């Protein structure tokens, strides 16, 4: 494995080798919520998105 492997590539290899596929939905939800929060900070829709939580 190269030294410059990304975080997602390493996570994918970990899931593939250890057969812990139950972690995949958790990671997808975490990435989605993170993307929503980043989008909310840079958008005019921020007050409406924050009221959801």
PDB file of N, CA and C in Angstrom:
ATOM      1  N   UNK A   1       0.850  -1.174   0.000  1.00  0.00           N
ATOM      2  CA  UNK A   1       0.000   0.000   0.000  1.00  0.00           C
ATOM      3  C   UNK A   1       0.896   1.239   0.000  1.00  0.00           C
ATOM      4  N   UNK A   2       0.507   2.233  -0.730  1.00  0.00           N
ATOM      5  CA  UNK A   2       1.326   3.434  -0.821  1.00  0.00           C
ATOM      6  C   UNK A   2       1.167   4.291   0.431  1.00  0.00           C
ATOM      7  N   UNK A   3       2.102   5.184   0.637  1.00  0.00           N
ATOM      8  CA  UNK A   3       2.066   6.065   1.797  1.00  0.00           C
ATOM      9  C   UNK A   3       0.984   7.123   1.680  1.00  0.00           C
ATOM     10  N   UNK A   4       0.613   7.485   0.454  1.00  0.00           N
ATOM     11  CA  UNK A   4      -0.312   8.589   0.236  1.00  0.00           C
ATOM     12  C   UNK A   4      -1.739   8.104   0.006  1.00  0.00           C
ATOM     13  N   UNK A   5      -2.117   7.052   0.667  1.00  0.00           N
ATOM     14  CA  UNK A   5      -3.476   6.550   0.542  1.00  0.00           C
ATOM     15  C   UNK A   5      -4.412   7.462   1.332  1.00  0.00           C
ATOM     16  N   UNK A   6      -5.543   7.778   0.743  1.00  0.00           N
ATOM     17  CA  UNK A   6      -6.493   8.659   1.398  1.00  0.00           C
ATOM     18  C   UNK A   6      -7.250   7.972   2.520  1.00  0.00           C
ATOM     19  N   UNK A   7      -7.937   8.769   3.281  1.00  0.00           N
ATOM     20  CA  UNK A   7      -8.697   8.258   4.417  1.00  0.00           C
ATOM     21  C   UNK A   7      -9.806   7.324   3.939  1.00  0.00           C
ATOM     22  N   UNK A   8     -10.484   7.714   2.860  1.00  0.00           N
ATOM     23  CA  UNK A   8     -11.573   6.885   2.369  1.00  0.00           C
ATOM     24  C   UNK A   8     -11.065   5.561   1.813  1.00  0.00           C
ATOM     25  N   UNK A   9      -9.920   5.596   1.142  1.00  0.00           N
ATOM     26  CA  UNK A   9      -9.343   4.366   0.606  1.00  0.00           C
ATOM     27  C   UNK A   9      -8.925   3.432   1.733  1.00  0.00           C
ATOM     28  N   UNK A  10      -8.338   3.991   2.779  1.00  0.00           N
ATOM     29  CA  UNK A  10      -7.945   3.160   3.916  1.00  0.00           C
ATOM     30  C   UNK A  10      -9.164   2.586   4.623  1.00  0.00           C
ATOM     31  N   UNK A  11     -10.206   3.394   4.754  1.00  0.00           N
ATOM     32  CA  UNK A  11     -11.424   2.895   5.397  1.00  0.00           C
ATOM     33  C   UNK A  11     -12.053   1.780   4.579  1.00  0.00           C
ATOM     34  N   UNK A  12     -12.065   1.952   3.255  1.00  0.00           N
ATOM     35  CA  UNK A  12     -12.619   0.928   2.370  1.00  0.00           C
ATOM     36  C   UNK A  12     -11.824  -0.377   2.490  1.00  0.00           C
ATOM     37  N   UNK A  13     -10.504  -0.268   2.518  1.00  0.00           N
ATOM     38  CA  UNK A  13      -9.670  -1.460   2.666  1.00  0.00           C
ATOM     39  C   UNK A  13      -9.891  -2.134   4.018  1.00  0.00           C
ATOM     40  N   UNK A  14     -10.067  -1.339   5.052  1.00  0.00           N
ATOM     41  CA  UNK A  14     -10.353  -1.901   6.371  1.00  0.00           C
ATOM     42  C   UNK A  14     -11.665  -2.671   6.365  1.00  0.00           C
ATOM     43  N   UNK A  15     -12.714  -2.061   5.784  1.00  0.00           N
ATOM     44  CA  UNK A  15     -14.010  -2.733   5.719  1.00  0.00           C
ATOM     45  C   UNK A  15     -13.925  -4.017   4.896  1.00  0.00           C
ATOM     46  N   UNK A  16     -13.175  -3.959   3.810  1.00  0.00           N
ATOM     47  CA  UNK A  16     -13.056  -5.110   2.918  1.00  0.00           C
ATOM     48  C   UNK A  16     -12.290  -6.266   3.574  1.00  0.00           C
ATOM     49  N   UNK A  17     -11.211  -5.940   4.262  1.00  0.00           N
ATOM     50  CA  UNK A  17     -10.384  -6.980   4.866  1.00  0.00           C
ATOM     51  C   UNK A  17     -10.998  -7.567   6.124  1.00  0.00           C
ATOM     52  N   UNK A  18     -11.625  -6.741   6.935  1.00  0.00           N
ATOM     53  CA  UNK A  18     -12.142  -7.230   8.217  1.00  0.00           C
ATOM     54  C   UNK A  18     -13.601  -7.681   8.147  1.00  0.00           C
ATOM     55  N   UNK A  19     -14.234  -7.475   6.989  1.00  0.00           N
ATOM     56  CA  UNK A  19     -15.635  -7.892   6.777  1.00  0.00           C
ATOM     57  C   UNK A  19     -16.601  -7.265   7.791  1.00  0.00           C
ATOM     58  N   UNK A  20     -16.342  -6.026   8.144  1.00  0.00           N
ATOM     59  CA  UNK A  20     -17.232  -5.311   9.061  1.00  0.00           C
ATOM     60  C   UNK A  20     -18.145  -4.385   8.258  1.00  0.00           C
ATOM     61  N   UNK A  21     -19.012  -4.982   7.474  1.00  0.00           N
ATOM     62  CA  UNK A  21     -19.884  -4.212   6.580  1.00  0.00           C
ATOM     63  C   UNK A  21     -20.957  -3.437   7.332  1.00  0.00           C
ATOM     64  N   UNK A  22     -21.192  -3.764   8.596  1.00  0.00           N
ATOM     65  CA  UNK A  22     -22.191  -3.036   9.371  1.00  0.00           C
ATOM     66  C   UNK A  22     -21.732  -1.611   9.667  1.00  0.00           C
ATOM     67  N   UNK A  23     -20.441  -1.327   9.507  1.00  0.00           N
ATOM     68  CA  UNK A  23     -19.940   0.035   9.716  1.00  0.00           C
ATOM     69  C   UNK A  23     -20.264   0.967   8.546  1.00  0.00           C
ATOM     70  N   UNK A  24     -20.523   0.404   7.391  1.00  0.00           N
ATOM     71  CA  UNK A  24     -20.743   1.219   6.198  1.00  0.00           C
ATOM     72  C   UNK A  24     -21.930   2.179   6.332  1.00  0.00           C
ATOM     73  N   UNK A  25     -23.101   1.743   6.791  1.00  0.00           N
ATOM     74  CA  UNK A  25     -24.211   2.709   6.940  1.00  0.00           C
ATOM     75  C   UNK A  25     -23.911   3.820   7.949  1.00  0.00           C
ATOM     76  N   UNK A  26     -23.175   3.495   8.995  1.00  0.00           N
ATOM     77  CA  UNK A  26     -22.813   4.505   9.985  1.00  0.00           C
ATOM     78  C   UNK A  26     -21.921   5.560   9.346  1.00  0.00           C
ATOM     79  N   UNK A  27     -20.953   5.120   8.569  1.00  0.00           N
ATOM     80  CA  UNK A  27     -20.053   6.058   7.897  1.00  0.00           C
ATOM     81  C   UNK A  27     -20.781   6.914   6.876  1.00  0.00           C
ATOM     82  N   UNK A  28     -21.724   6.319   6.161  1.00  0.00           N
ATOM     83  CA  UNK A  28     -22.485   7.077   5.158  1.00  0.00           C
ATOM     84  C   UNK A  28     -23.304   8.172   5.848  1.00  0.00           C
ATOM     85  N   UNK A  29     -23.933   7.852   6.950  1.00  0.00           N
ATOM     86  CA  UNK A  29     -24.732   8.844   7.680  1.00  0.00           C
ATOM     87  C   UNK A  29     -23.832   9.949   8.229  1.00  0.00           C
ATOM     88  N   UNK A  30     -22.669   9.593   8.763  1.00  0.00           N
ATOM     89  CA  UNK A  30     -21.745  10.606   9.276  1.00  0.00           C
ATOM     90  C   UNK A  30     -21.263  11.544   8.183  1.00  0.00           C
ATOM     91  N   UNK A  31     -20.955  11.005   7.020  1.00  0.00           N
ATOM     92  CA  UNK A  31     -20.513  11.839   5.905  1.00  0.00           C
ATOM     93  C   UNK A  31     -21.653  12.744   5.431  1.00  0.00           C
ATOM     94  N   UNK A  32     -22.865  12.213   5.380  1.00  0.00           N
ATOM     95  CA  UNK A  32     -24.009  13.009   4.933  1.00  0.00           C
ATOM     96  C   UNK A  32     -24.304  14.157   5.897  1.00  0.00           C
ATOM     97  N   UNK A  33     -24.273  13.887   7.190  1.00  0.00           N
ATOM     98  CA  UNK A  33     -24.529  14.944   8.180  1.00  0.00           C
ATOM     99  C   UNK A  33     -23.411  15.979   8.141  1.00  0.00           C
ATOM    100  N   UNK A  34     -22.183  15.528   7.983  1.00  0.00           N
ATOM    101  CA  UNK A  34     -21.060  16.469   7.880  1.00  0.00           C
ATOM    102  C   UNK A  34     -21.198  17.365   6.661  1.00  0.00           C
ATOM    103  N   UNK A  35     -21.574  16.789   5.531  1.00  0.00           N
ATOM    104  CA  UNK A  35     -21.758  17.580   4.316  1.00  0.00           C
ATOM    105  C   UNK A  35     -22.899  18.582   4.494  1.00  0.00           C
ATOM    106  N   UNK A  36     -23.963  18.167   5.161  1.00  0.00           N
ATOM    107  CA  UNK A  36     -25.084  19.073   5.405  1.00  0.00           C
ATOM    108  C   UNK A  36     -24.666  20.243   6.286  1.00  0.00           C
ATOM    109  N   UNK A  37     -23.864  19.971   7.298  1.00  0.00           N
ATOM    110  CA  UNK A  37     -23.414  21.047   8.185  1.00  0.00           C
ATOM    111  C   UNK A  37     -22.461  22.001   7.483  1.00  0.00           C
ATOM    112  N   UNK A  38     -21.600  21.486   6.648  1.00  0.00           N
ATOM    113  CA  UNK A  38     -20.694  22.355   5.894  1.00  0.00           C
ATOM    114  C   UNK A  38     -21.496  23.211   4.923  1.00  0.00           C
ATOM    115  N   UNK A  39     -22.472  22.601   4.257  1.00  0.00           N
ATOM    116  CA  UNK A  39     -23.326  23.350   3.333  1.00  0.00           C
ATOM    117  C   UNK A  39     -24.136  24.412   4.071  1.00  0.00           C
ATOM    118  N   UNK A  40     -24.580  24.080   5.276  1.00  0.00           N
ATOM    119  CA  UNK A  40     -25.410  25.011   6.042  1.00  0.00           C
ATOM    120  C   UNK A  40     -24.627  26.243   6.477  1.00  0.00           C
ATOM    121  N   UNK A  41     -23.343  26.092   6.710  1.00  0.00           N
ATOM    122  CA  UNK A  41     -22.549  27.237   7.152  1.00  0.00           C
ATOM    123  C   UNK A  41     -22.307  28.233   6.028  1.00  0.00           C
ATOM    124  N   UNK A  42     -22.316  27.762   4.792  1.00  0.00           N
ATOM    125  CA  UNK A  42     -21.983  28.637   3.669  1.00  0.00           C
ATOM    126  C   UNK A  42     -23.203  28.991   2.830  1.00  0.00           C
ATOM    127  N   UNK A  43     -24.374  28.796   3.366  1.00  0.00           N
ATOM    128  CA  UNK A  43     -25.577  28.997   2.573  1.00  0.00           C
ATOM    129  C   UNK A  43     -26.518  29.990   3.246  1.00  0.00           C
ATOM    130  N   UNK A  44     -27.376  30.570   2.435  1.00  0.00           N
ATOM    131  CA  UNK A  44     -28.411  31.447   2.971  1.00  0.00           C
ATOM    132  C   UNK A  44     -29.533  30.636   3.609  1.00  0.00           C
ATOM    133  N   UNK A  45     -29.521  29.333   3.396  1.00  0.00           N
ATOM    134  CA  UNK A  45     -30.526  28.454   3.976  1.00  0.00           C
ATOM    135  C   UNK A  45     -30.174  27.984   5.375  1.00  0.00           C
ATOM    136  N   UNK A  46     -29.102  28.480   5.941  1.00  0.00           N
ATOM    137  CA  UNK A  46     -28.615  28.022   7.248  1.00  0.00           C
ATOM    138  C   UNK A  46     -29.685  28.074   8.334  1.00  0.00           C
ATOM    139  N   UNK A  47     -30.439  29.154   8.491  1.00  0.00           N
ATOM    140  CA  UNK A  47     -31.448  29.155   9.561  1.00  0.00           C
ATOM    141  C   UNK A  47     -32.507  28.066   9.390  1.00  0.00           C
ATOM    142  N   UNK A  48     -32.832  27.725   8.169  1.00  0.00           N
ATOM    143  CA  UNK A  48     -33.855  26.703   7.939  1.00  0.00           C
ATOM    144  C   UNK A  48     -33.317  25.306   8.174  1.00  0.00           C
ATOM    145  N   UNK A  49     -32.052  25.093   7.835  1.00  0.00           N
ATOM    146  CA  UNK A  49     -31.466  23.777   8.063  1.00  0.00           C
ATOM    147  C   UNK A  49     -31.240  23.535   9.539  1.00  0.00           C
ATOM    148  N   UNK A  50     -30.819  24.557  10.282  1.00  0.00           N
ATOM    149  CA  UNK A  50     -30.580  24.383  11.719  1.00  0.00           C
ATOM    150  C   UNK A  50     -31.862  24.135  12.481  1.00  0.00           C
ATOM    151  N   UNK A  51     -33.007  24.574  11.987  1.00  0.00           N
ATOM    152  CA  UNK A  51     -34.263  24.305  12.694  1.00  0.00           C
ATOM    153  C   UNK A  51     -34.652  22.840  12.601  1.00  0.00           C
ATOM    154  N   UNK A  52     -34.105  22.109  11.621  1.00  0.00           N
ATOM    155  CA  UNK A  52     -34.391  20.674  11.528  1.00  0.00           C
ATOM    156  C   UNK A  52     -33.804  19.936  12.719  1.00  0.00           C
ATOM    157  N   UNK A  53     -32.639  20.386  13.158  1.00  0.00           N
ATOM    158  CA  UNK A  53     -31.978  19.721  14.278  1.00  0.00           C
ATOM    159  C   UNK A  53     -32.359  20.394  15.576  1.00  0.00           C
TER     160      UNK A  53
END
